[in-house]
Amino acid sequence: MTLYIAKPTSRRNIRELANTIRKLAGMYNEKYFPVVEFLEWGLPQMDSLFTPEIVSPGEMKNEYAVTYPEKHLIRIQEDVYERAISGSGRDRFTIAHEIGHYIMHQPGSIALARSLNVESVPPYKDPEWQANTFAGELLAPPHIIKGLSVKEIAMCCGVSLDVARIQLQNI
């Protein structure tokens, strides 16, 4: 089986990156991070070649969204995009996850490896873990959620209960 392996990155470093993005967006202390607006306006300011592409669900058979850093492109299913605009925590997370791939996994930062076992890749080298961690840290960072309940985090940060739980466990 072929696996993708990313440059080793700790939760602490991913948290710092997400906080930097929040600061650059002028949203460091805001509970609800406007991830769709950041996709449309923030990323193009960071990378003038970046373009989000919203596609019909039929164009992407088994994926909600895909990132192509080398093409300066994130493709998102239209239904995912629309639900994210409406505040769906799951779909907001999907977009934040793809933004994480775009920022952290530029060409040259990902390697292919042959392995018999997915578990042989430690989380800090797993690009999916890294993108998930980035999404959680961007949408529900510790300095915002400290002292809140899981339900309060989900409501005010616009994330799912699962993401709220994970973020609370990782303060």
N, C-alpha and C. Protein backbone atom coordinates (compact mmCIF):
# COMPACT_ATOMS: atom_id res chain seq x y z
N MET A 1 0.84 -1.17 0.00
CA MET A 1 0.00 0.00 0.00
C MET A 1 0.89 1.24 0.00
N THR A 2 0.50 2.25 -0.75
CA THR A 2 1.25 3.50 -0.79
C THR A 2 0.58 4.50 0.15
N LEU A 3 1.38 5.13 0.99
CA LEU A 3 0.88 6.11 1.94
C LEU A 3 1.53 7.45 1.67
N TYR A 4 0.88 8.49 2.13
CA TYR A 4 1.48 9.82 2.08
C TYR A 4 2.06 10.12 3.45
N ILE A 5 3.25 10.67 3.46
CA ILE A 5 3.90 11.05 4.71
C ILE A 5 4.29 12.52 4.59
N ALA A 6 3.91 13.29 5.61
CA ALA A 6 4.21 14.73 5.62
C ALA A 6 5.40 15.02 6.52
N LYS A 7 5.93 16.20 6.35
CA LYS A 7 7.00 16.68 7.24
C LYS A 7 6.46 16.62 8.68
N PRO A 8 7.22 16.07 9.62
CA PRO A 8 6.73 15.95 11.00
C PRO A 8 6.31 17.32 11.56
N THR A 9 5.11 17.37 12.11
CA THR A 9 4.59 18.62 12.68
C THR A 9 3.78 18.30 13.93
N SER A 10 4.08 18.97 15.01
CA SER A 10 3.38 18.74 16.28
C SER A 10 2.08 19.53 16.34
N ARG A 11 1.20 19.12 17.25
CA ARG A 11 -0.03 19.89 17.50
C ARG A 11 0.34 21.33 17.89
N ARG A 12 1.36 21.47 18.69
CA ARG A 12 1.77 22.81 19.14
C ARG A 12 2.12 23.70 17.95
N ASN A 13 2.88 23.17 16.99
CA ASN A 13 3.25 23.97 15.81
C ASN A 13 2.04 24.25 14.93
N ILE A 14 1.14 23.27 14.82
CA ILE A 14 -0.08 23.48 14.03
C ILE A 14 -0.95 24.54 14.70
N ARG A 15 -1.02 24.49 16.02
CA ARG A 15 -1.79 25.49 16.78
C ARG A 15 -1.22 26.89 16.53
N GLU A 16 0.10 27.02 16.55
CA GLU A 16 0.74 28.31 16.30
C GLU A 16 0.42 28.81 14.89
N LEU A 17 0.43 27.90 13.92
CA LEU A 17 0.09 28.27 12.54
C LEU A 17 -1.35 28.76 12.45
N ALA A 18 -2.28 28.01 13.05
CA ALA A 18 -3.69 28.40 13.03
C ALA A 18 -3.89 29.76 13.70
N ASN A 19 -3.20 29.99 14.81
CA ASN A 19 -3.29 31.28 15.49
C ASN A 19 -2.73 32.41 14.63
N THR A 20 -1.66 32.13 13.90
CA THR A 20 -1.09 33.13 12.99
C THR A 20 -2.11 33.49 11.91
N ILE A 21 -2.78 32.48 11.37
CA ILE A 21 -3.81 32.72 10.34
C ILE A 21 -4.92 33.58 10.93
N ARG A 22 -5.38 33.25 12.14
CA ARG A 22 -6.43 34.04 12.80
C ARG A 22 -5.97 35.49 12.98
N LYS A 23 -4.73 35.68 13.39
CA LYS A 23 -4.21 37.04 13.59
C LYS A 23 -4.15 37.80 12.26
N LEU A 24 -3.63 37.15 11.22
CA LEU A 24 -3.55 37.80 9.91
C LEU A 24 -4.93 38.18 9.39
N ALA A 25 -5.93 37.37 9.72
CA ALA A 25 -7.30 37.63 9.28
C ALA A 25 -8.00 38.64 10.19
N GLY A 26 -7.32 39.07 11.25
CA GLY A 26 -7.94 39.99 12.20
C GLY A 26 -9.04 39.33 13.02
N MET A 27 -8.94 38.01 13.20
CA MET A 27 -9.99 37.23 13.87
C MET A 27 -9.47 36.45 15.07
N TYR A 28 -8.35 36.86 15.64
CA TYR A 28 -7.72 36.07 16.70
C TYR A 28 -8.66 35.79 17.87
N ASN A 29 -9.41 36.78 18.31
CA ASN A 29 -10.27 36.61 19.48
C ASN A 29 -11.74 36.38 19.14
N GLU A 30 -12.04 36.16 17.88
CA GLU A 30 -13.43 35.90 17.48
C GLU A 30 -13.76 34.43 17.69
N LYS A 31 -14.91 34.17 18.28
CA LYS A 31 -15.30 32.77 18.51
C LYS A 31 -15.62 32.06 17.20
N TYR A 32 -16.32 32.75 16.31
CA TYR A 32 -16.76 32.12 15.06
C TYR A 32 -15.84 32.57 13.93
N PHE A 33 -14.97 31.67 13.49
CA PHE A 33 -14.05 32.00 12.41
C PHE A 33 -14.77 31.85 11.08
N PRO A 34 -14.81 32.89 10.23
CA PRO A 34 -15.53 32.85 8.96
C PRO A 34 -14.75 32.09 7.89
N VAL A 35 -14.79 30.78 7.95
CA VAL A 35 -13.93 29.95 7.11
C VAL A 35 -14.23 30.09 5.62
N VAL A 36 -15.50 30.25 5.26
CA VAL A 36 -15.84 30.41 3.84
C VAL A 36 -15.28 31.73 3.31
N GLU A 37 -15.45 32.79 4.09
CA GLU A 37 -14.92 34.08 3.69
C GLU A 37 -13.40 34.04 3.60
N PHE A 38 -12.76 33.32 4.53
CA PHE A 38 -11.31 33.19 4.47
C PHE A 38 -10.89 32.45 3.20
N LEU A 39 -11.63 31.41 2.84
CA LEU A 39 -11.36 30.67 1.60
C LEU A 39 -11.43 31.60 0.40
N GLU A 40 -12.45 32.44 0.37
CA GLU A 40 -12.70 33.30 -0.79
C GLU A 40 -11.84 34.56 -0.83
N TRP A 41 -11.51 35.11 0.34
CA TRP A 41 -10.81 36.40 0.39
C TRP A 41 -9.44 36.32 1.05
N GLY A 42 -9.32 35.54 2.11
CA GLY A 42 -8.06 35.47 2.85
C GLY A 42 -6.96 34.72 2.12
N LEU A 43 -7.27 33.52 1.66
CA LEU A 43 -6.25 32.74 0.95
C LEU A 43 -5.76 33.45 -0.31
N PRO A 44 -6.64 34.05 -1.12
CA PRO A 44 -6.14 34.77 -2.29
C PRO A 44 -5.23 35.96 -1.93
N GLN A 45 -5.39 36.52 -0.73
CA GLN A 45 -4.48 37.59 -0.30
C GLN A 45 -3.12 37.01 0.07
N MET A 46 -3.10 35.78 0.60
CA MET A 46 -1.84 35.12 0.95
C MET A 46 -1.14 34.59 -0.29
N ASP A 47 -1.93 34.13 -1.26
CA ASP A 47 -1.41 33.55 -2.50
C ASP A 47 -2.26 34.05 -3.65
N SER A 48 -1.75 35.01 -4.38
CA SER A 48 -2.54 35.64 -5.45
C SER A 48 -2.92 34.66 -6.56
N LEU A 49 -2.27 33.51 -6.63
CA LEU A 49 -2.61 32.51 -7.65
C LEU A 49 -3.72 31.57 -7.19
N PHE A 50 -4.06 31.61 -5.90
CA PHE A 50 -5.05 30.68 -5.36
C PHE A 50 -6.45 30.97 -5.89
N THR A 51 -7.17 29.88 -6.22
CA THR A 51 -8.56 29.98 -6.63
C THR A 51 -9.36 28.83 -6.03
N PRO A 52 -10.45 29.13 -5.32
CA PRO A 52 -11.35 28.05 -4.91
C PRO A 52 -12.25 27.71 -6.10
N GLU A 53 -12.57 26.46 -6.24
CA GLU A 53 -13.45 26.02 -7.33
C GLU A 53 -14.60 25.22 -6.72
N ILE A 54 -15.82 25.69 -6.95
CA ILE A 54 -17.00 25.01 -6.45
C ILE A 54 -17.56 24.19 -7.60
N VAL A 55 -17.72 22.88 -7.36
CA VAL A 55 -18.12 21.97 -8.44
C VAL A 55 -19.37 21.20 -8.04
N SER A 56 -20.10 20.73 -9.05
CA SER A 56 -21.29 19.93 -8.78
C SER A 56 -20.87 18.60 -8.13
N PRO A 57 -21.72 18.06 -7.25
CA PRO A 57 -21.36 16.82 -6.56
C PRO A 57 -21.00 15.67 -7.50
N GLY A 58 -21.58 15.63 -8.67
CA GLY A 58 -21.28 14.57 -9.62
C GLY A 58 -19.86 14.59 -10.15
N GLU A 59 -19.20 15.74 -10.10
CA GLU A 59 -17.83 15.85 -10.59
C GLU A 59 -16.82 15.19 -9.66
N MET A 60 -17.17 15.06 -8.40
CA MET A 60 -16.27 14.48 -7.41
C MET A 60 -16.99 13.30 -6.76
N LYS A 61 -16.74 12.14 -7.29
CA LYS A 61 -17.52 10.96 -6.90
C LYS A 61 -17.43 10.61 -5.41
N ASN A 62 -16.23 10.51 -4.88
CA ASN A 62 -16.07 10.01 -3.51
C ASN A 62 -15.43 11.01 -2.56
N GLU A 63 -15.42 12.27 -2.93
CA GLU A 63 -14.77 13.27 -2.10
C GLU A 63 -15.67 14.48 -1.92
N TYR A 64 -15.57 15.08 -0.73
CA TYR A 64 -16.30 16.31 -0.46
C TYR A 64 -15.52 17.51 -0.97
N ALA A 65 -14.21 17.40 -0.89
CA ALA A 65 -13.32 18.48 -1.34
C ALA A 65 -11.93 17.89 -1.57
N VAL A 66 -11.16 18.53 -2.43
CA VAL A 66 -9.80 18.07 -2.73
C VAL A 66 -8.91 19.30 -2.89
N THR A 67 -7.69 19.19 -2.39
CA THR A 67 -6.73 20.29 -2.49
C THR A 67 -5.60 19.91 -3.44
N TYR A 68 -5.27 20.83 -4.33
CA TYR A 68 -4.15 20.68 -5.26
C TYR A 68 -3.21 21.86 -5.05
N PRO A 69 -2.31 21.79 -4.05
CA PRO A 69 -1.43 22.93 -3.78
C PRO A 69 -0.61 23.36 -4.99
N GLU A 70 -0.14 22.40 -5.77
CA GLU A 70 0.70 22.74 -6.92
C GLU A 70 -0.07 23.49 -8.00
N LYS A 71 -1.40 23.37 -8.00
CA LYS A 71 -2.25 24.09 -8.95
C LYS A 71 -2.89 25.32 -8.31
N HIS A 72 -2.58 25.57 -7.03
CA HIS A 72 -3.15 26.71 -6.30
C HIS A 72 -4.68 26.61 -6.28
N LEU A 73 -5.18 25.43 -5.96
CA LEU A 73 -6.61 25.14 -6.12
C LEU A 73 -7.15 24.27 -5.00
N ILE A 74 -8.32 24.63 -4.52
CA ILE A 74 -9.13 23.75 -3.67
C ILE A 74 -10.47 23.59 -4.37
N ARG A 75 -10.84 22.34 -4.63
CA ARG A 75 -12.14 22.04 -5.26
C ARG A 75 -13.08 21.55 -4.16
N ILE A 76 -14.28 22.11 -4.12
CA ILE A 76 -15.26 21.78 -3.09
C ILE A 76 -16.59 21.49 -3.76
N GLN A 77 -17.23 20.42 -3.30
CA GLN A 77 -18.57 20.12 -3.81
C GLN A 77 -19.50 21.27 -3.44
N GLU A 78 -20.37 21.61 -4.36
CA GLU A 78 -21.29 22.73 -4.16
C GLU A 78 -22.16 22.55 -2.92
N ASP A 79 -22.64 21.34 -2.68
CA ASP A 79 -23.50 21.13 -1.51
C ASP A 79 -22.73 21.32 -0.20
N VAL A 80 -21.48 20.91 -0.17
CA VAL A 80 -20.63 21.13 1.01
C VAL A 80 -20.43 22.64 1.22
N TYR A 81 -20.13 23.33 0.15
CA TYR A 81 -19.92 24.78 0.20
C TYR A 81 -21.17 25.50 0.71
N GLU A 82 -22.32 25.15 0.16
CA GLU A 82 -23.58 25.78 0.56
C GLU A 82 -23.90 25.51 2.03
N ARG A 83 -23.67 24.27 2.48
CA ARG A 83 -23.93 23.95 3.90
C ARG A 83 -22.94 24.69 4.80
N ALA A 84 -21.70 24.85 4.36
CA ALA A 84 -20.73 25.61 5.15
C ALA A 84 -21.18 27.07 5.30
N ILE A 85 -21.69 27.64 4.22
CA ILE A 85 -22.22 29.00 4.28
C ILE A 85 -23.36 29.08 5.29
N SER A 86 -24.17 28.02 5.34
CA SER A 86 -25.31 27.97 6.27
C SER A 86 -24.89 27.67 7.70
N GLY A 87 -23.61 27.36 7.92
CA GLY A 87 -23.12 27.15 9.28
C GLY A 87 -22.96 25.71 9.71
N SER A 88 -23.08 24.75 8.80
CA SER A 88 -22.90 23.34 9.16
C SER A 88 -21.49 23.11 9.67
N GLY A 89 -21.38 22.64 10.91
CA GLY A 89 -20.08 22.40 11.52
C GLY A 89 -19.23 21.43 10.73
N ARG A 90 -19.85 20.35 10.27
CA ARG A 90 -19.11 19.34 9.51
C ARG A 90 -18.53 19.93 8.23
N ASP A 91 -19.31 20.72 7.54
CA ASP A 91 -18.87 21.27 6.26
C ASP A 91 -17.89 22.44 6.45
N ARG A 92 -18.07 23.21 7.51
CA ARG A 92 -17.08 24.24 7.85
C ARG A 92 -15.73 23.57 8.14
N PHE A 93 -15.79 22.44 8.86
CA PHE A 93 -14.57 21.70 9.18
C PHE A 93 -13.91 21.17 7.90
N THR A 94 -14.72 20.67 6.97
CA THR A 94 -14.18 20.17 5.70
C THR A 94 -13.39 21.27 4.98
N ILE A 95 -13.94 22.46 4.93
CA ILE A 95 -13.24 23.56 4.25
C ILE A 95 -11.98 23.94 5.02
N ALA A 96 -12.06 24.01 6.34
CA ALA A 96 -10.87 24.33 7.15
C ALA A 96 -9.80 23.25 6.98
N HIS A 97 -10.22 21.99 6.88
CA HIS A 97 -9.31 20.86 6.66
C HIS A 97 -8.55 21.06 5.34
N GLU A 98 -9.27 21.41 4.28
CA GLU A 98 -8.62 21.61 2.98
C GLU A 98 -7.70 22.83 3.00
N ILE A 99 -8.09 23.87 3.71
CA ILE A 99 -7.21 25.03 3.87
C ILE A 99 -5.92 24.59 4.57
N GLY A 100 -6.06 23.71 5.56
CA GLY A 100 -4.88 23.16 6.24
C GLY A 100 -3.96 22.44 5.28
N HIS A 101 -4.53 21.58 4.43
CA HIS A 101 -3.71 20.91 3.41
C HIS A 101 -3.01 21.95 2.53
N TYR A 102 -3.76 22.95 2.10
CA TYR A 102 -3.20 23.94 1.18
C TYR A 102 -2.02 24.68 1.80
N ILE A 103 -2.17 25.08 3.05
CA ILE A 103 -1.12 25.85 3.71
C ILE A 103 0.07 24.98 4.12
N MET A 104 -0.21 23.79 4.66
CA MET A 104 0.87 22.96 5.22
C MET A 104 1.51 22.01 4.23
N HIS A 105 0.80 21.66 3.16
CA HIS A 105 1.28 20.58 2.30
C HIS A 105 1.57 21.05 0.89
N GLN A 106 2.40 22.06 0.80
CA GLN A 106 2.85 22.57 -0.50
C GLN A 106 3.75 21.53 -1.16
N PRO A 107 3.92 21.60 -2.48
CA PRO A 107 4.78 20.63 -3.17
C PRO A 107 6.14 20.52 -2.49
N GLY A 108 6.58 19.29 -2.35
CA GLY A 108 7.86 19.02 -1.71
C GLY A 108 7.75 18.71 -0.23
N SER A 109 6.57 18.96 0.37
CA SER A 109 6.42 18.69 1.80
C SER A 109 5.76 17.35 2.07
N ILE A 110 5.32 16.66 1.02
CA ILE A 110 4.67 15.36 1.14
C ILE A 110 5.51 14.34 0.38
N ALA A 111 5.66 13.17 0.98
CA ALA A 111 6.39 12.08 0.32
C ALA A 111 5.49 10.86 0.24
N LEU A 112 5.73 10.03 -0.75
CA LEU A 112 5.03 8.75 -0.86
C LEU A 112 5.90 7.69 -0.23
N ALA A 113 5.26 6.76 0.46
CA ALA A 113 6.01 5.67 1.09
C ALA A 113 5.25 4.38 0.91
N ARG A 114 5.98 3.30 0.69
CA ARG A 114 5.34 1.98 0.63
C ARG A 114 5.37 1.40 2.03
N SER A 115 4.23 0.92 2.44
CA SER A 115 4.12 0.36 3.78
C SER A 115 3.05 -0.70 3.78
N LEU A 116 3.18 -1.64 4.66
CA LEU A 116 2.17 -2.67 4.80
C LEU A 116 1.05 -2.23 5.73
N ASN A 117 1.28 -1.15 6.47
CA ASN A 117 0.40 -0.85 7.57
C ASN A 117 0.22 0.66 7.75
N VAL A 118 -1.04 1.12 7.67
CA VAL A 118 -1.33 2.53 7.87
C VAL A 118 -0.90 2.98 9.27
N GLU A 119 -1.05 2.09 10.25
CA GLU A 119 -0.69 2.44 11.63
C GLU A 119 0.81 2.69 11.79
N SER A 120 1.61 2.32 10.80
CA SER A 120 3.06 2.53 10.92
C SER A 120 3.44 4.01 10.76
N VAL A 121 2.52 4.84 10.29
CA VAL A 121 2.80 6.27 10.15
C VAL A 121 2.34 6.97 11.43
N PRO A 122 3.26 7.59 12.16
CA PRO A 122 2.84 8.30 13.38
C PRO A 122 1.96 9.49 13.02
N PRO A 123 1.02 9.84 13.89
CA PRO A 123 0.09 10.93 13.57
C PRO A 123 0.79 12.22 13.14
N TYR A 124 1.87 12.58 13.78
CA TYR A 124 2.53 13.85 13.47
C TYR A 124 3.14 13.88 12.07
N LYS A 125 3.20 12.72 11.38
CA LYS A 125 3.66 12.65 9.99
C LYS A 125 2.51 12.37 9.01
N ASP A 126 1.30 12.21 9.53
CA ASP A 126 0.13 11.88 8.72
C ASP A 126 -0.52 13.18 8.23
N PRO A 127 -0.54 13.42 6.91
CA PRO A 127 -1.12 14.67 6.42
C PRO A 127 -2.60 14.83 6.76
N GLU A 128 -3.33 13.73 6.89
CA GLU A 128 -4.75 13.83 7.25
C GLU A 128 -4.90 14.25 8.71
N TRP A 129 -4.10 13.67 9.59
CA TRP A 129 -4.12 14.10 10.99
C TRP A 129 -3.74 15.57 11.09
N GLN A 130 -2.72 15.97 10.35
CA GLN A 130 -2.28 17.36 10.39
C GLN A 130 -3.38 18.31 9.92
N ALA A 131 -4.07 17.97 8.83
CA ALA A 131 -5.14 18.83 8.31
C ALA A 131 -6.33 18.85 9.27
N ASN A 132 -6.66 17.71 9.87
CA ASN A 132 -7.74 17.67 10.87
C ASN A 132 -7.38 18.54 12.07
N THR A 133 -6.15 18.41 12.52
CA THR A 133 -5.70 19.19 13.68
C THR A 133 -5.73 20.68 13.36
N PHE A 134 -5.27 21.05 12.18
CA PHE A 134 -5.32 22.46 11.77
C PHE A 134 -6.76 22.97 11.77
N ALA A 135 -7.67 22.19 11.20
CA ALA A 135 -9.07 22.62 11.13
C ALA A 135 -9.64 22.85 12.53
N GLY A 136 -9.39 21.91 13.44
CA GLY A 136 -9.87 22.07 14.81
C GLY A 136 -9.27 23.29 15.49
N GLU A 137 -7.97 23.49 15.30
CA GLU A 137 -7.28 24.62 15.93
C GLU A 137 -7.71 25.96 15.34
N LEU A 138 -8.02 25.98 14.05
CA LEU A 138 -8.48 27.22 13.41
C LEU A 138 -9.89 27.58 13.87
N LEU A 139 -10.77 26.59 13.92
CA LEU A 139 -12.18 26.85 14.22
C LEU A 139 -12.48 26.95 15.71
N ALA A 140 -11.74 26.21 16.54
CA ALA A 140 -12.03 26.18 17.99
C ALA A 140 -10.72 26.14 18.78
N PRO A 141 -9.96 27.22 18.75
CA PRO A 141 -8.66 27.23 19.44
C PRO A 141 -8.82 27.31 20.96
N PRO A 142 -7.82 26.81 21.69
CA PRO A 142 -7.90 26.77 23.15
C PRO A 142 -8.18 28.11 23.82
N HIS A 143 -7.59 29.20 23.32
CA HIS A 143 -7.82 30.49 23.98
C HIS A 143 -9.26 30.97 23.85
N ILE A 144 -10.00 30.41 22.92
CA ILE A 144 -11.42 30.75 22.74
C ILE A 144 -12.31 29.81 23.54
N ILE A 145 -11.97 28.52 23.58
CA ILE A 145 -12.89 27.52 24.15
C ILE A 145 -12.66 27.22 25.62
N LYS A 146 -11.57 27.68 26.17
CA LYS A 146 -11.27 27.39 27.58
C LYS A 146 -12.43 27.85 28.47
N GLY A 147 -12.90 26.93 29.31
CA GLY A 147 -13.99 27.23 30.22
C GLY A 147 -15.39 27.01 29.65
N LEU A 148 -15.48 26.63 28.38
CA LEU A 148 -16.79 26.37 27.76
C LEU A 148 -17.10 24.88 27.79
N SER A 149 -18.38 24.55 27.70
CA SER A 149 -18.80 23.15 27.59
C SER A 149 -18.71 22.72 26.13
N VAL A 150 -18.83 21.42 25.91
CA VAL A 150 -18.81 20.89 24.54
C VAL A 150 -19.91 21.54 23.71
N LYS A 151 -21.11 21.63 24.26
CA LYS A 151 -22.24 22.24 23.52
C LYS A 151 -21.99 23.72 23.24
N GLU A 152 -21.44 24.42 24.22
CA GLU A 152 -21.15 25.85 24.01
C GLU A 152 -20.11 26.04 22.91
N ILE A 153 -19.10 25.18 22.90
CA ILE A 153 -18.06 25.26 21.86
C ILE A 153 -18.68 25.03 20.49
N ALA A 154 -19.50 23.98 20.38
CA ALA A 154 -20.13 23.66 19.10
C ALA A 154 -20.97 24.84 18.61
N MET A 155 -21.74 25.42 19.51
CA MET A 155 -22.63 26.52 19.13
C MET A 155 -21.85 27.78 18.74
N CYS A 156 -20.93 28.22 19.59
CA CYS A 156 -20.30 29.52 19.33
C CYS A 156 -19.18 29.45 18.30
N CYS A 157 -18.56 28.28 18.12
CA CYS A 157 -17.47 28.16 17.15
C CYS A 157 -17.93 27.56 15.82
N GLY A 158 -19.16 27.07 15.77
CA GLY A 158 -19.67 26.50 14.52
C GLY A 158 -18.99 25.21 14.14
N VAL A 159 -18.79 24.32 15.13
CA VAL A 159 -18.17 23.01 14.88
C VAL A 159 -19.11 21.92 15.37
N SER A 160 -18.82 20.69 14.96
CA SER A 160 -19.61 19.55 15.43
C SER A 160 -19.29 19.27 16.89
N LEU A 161 -20.15 18.48 17.54
CA LEU A 161 -19.89 18.08 18.92
C LEU A 161 -18.60 17.27 19.02
N ASP A 162 -18.34 16.43 18.02
CA ASP A 162 -17.10 15.64 18.02
C ASP A 162 -15.87 16.53 18.00
N VAL A 163 -15.86 17.52 17.14
CA VAL A 163 -14.72 18.44 17.07
C VAL A 163 -14.60 19.21 18.39
N ALA A 164 -15.72 19.64 18.93
CA ALA A 164 -15.69 20.35 20.21
C ALA A 164 -15.06 19.49 21.30
N ARG A 165 -15.45 18.21 21.36
CA ARG A 165 -14.88 17.28 22.35
C ARG A 165 -13.37 17.12 22.17
N ILE A 166 -12.97 16.89 20.94
CA ILE A 166 -11.54 16.68 20.65
C ILE A 166 -10.74 17.93 21.03
N GLN A 167 -11.24 19.09 20.67
CA GLN A 167 -10.51 20.32 20.99
C GLN A 167 -10.44 20.54 22.49
N LEU A 168 -11.51 20.24 23.20
CA LEU A 168 -11.52 20.40 24.65
C LEU A 168 -10.52 19.46 25.31
N GLN A 169 -10.39 18.26 24.77
CA GLN A 169 -9.43 17.28 25.31
C GLN A 169 -7.99 17.69 25.04
N ASN A 170 -7.77 18.56 24.07
CA ASN A 170 -6.40 18.92 23.68
C ASN A 170 -5.99 20.34 24.06
N ILE A 171 -6.69 20.90 25.03
CA ILE A 171 -6.30 22.25 25.51
C ILE A 171 -4.93 22.14 26.16
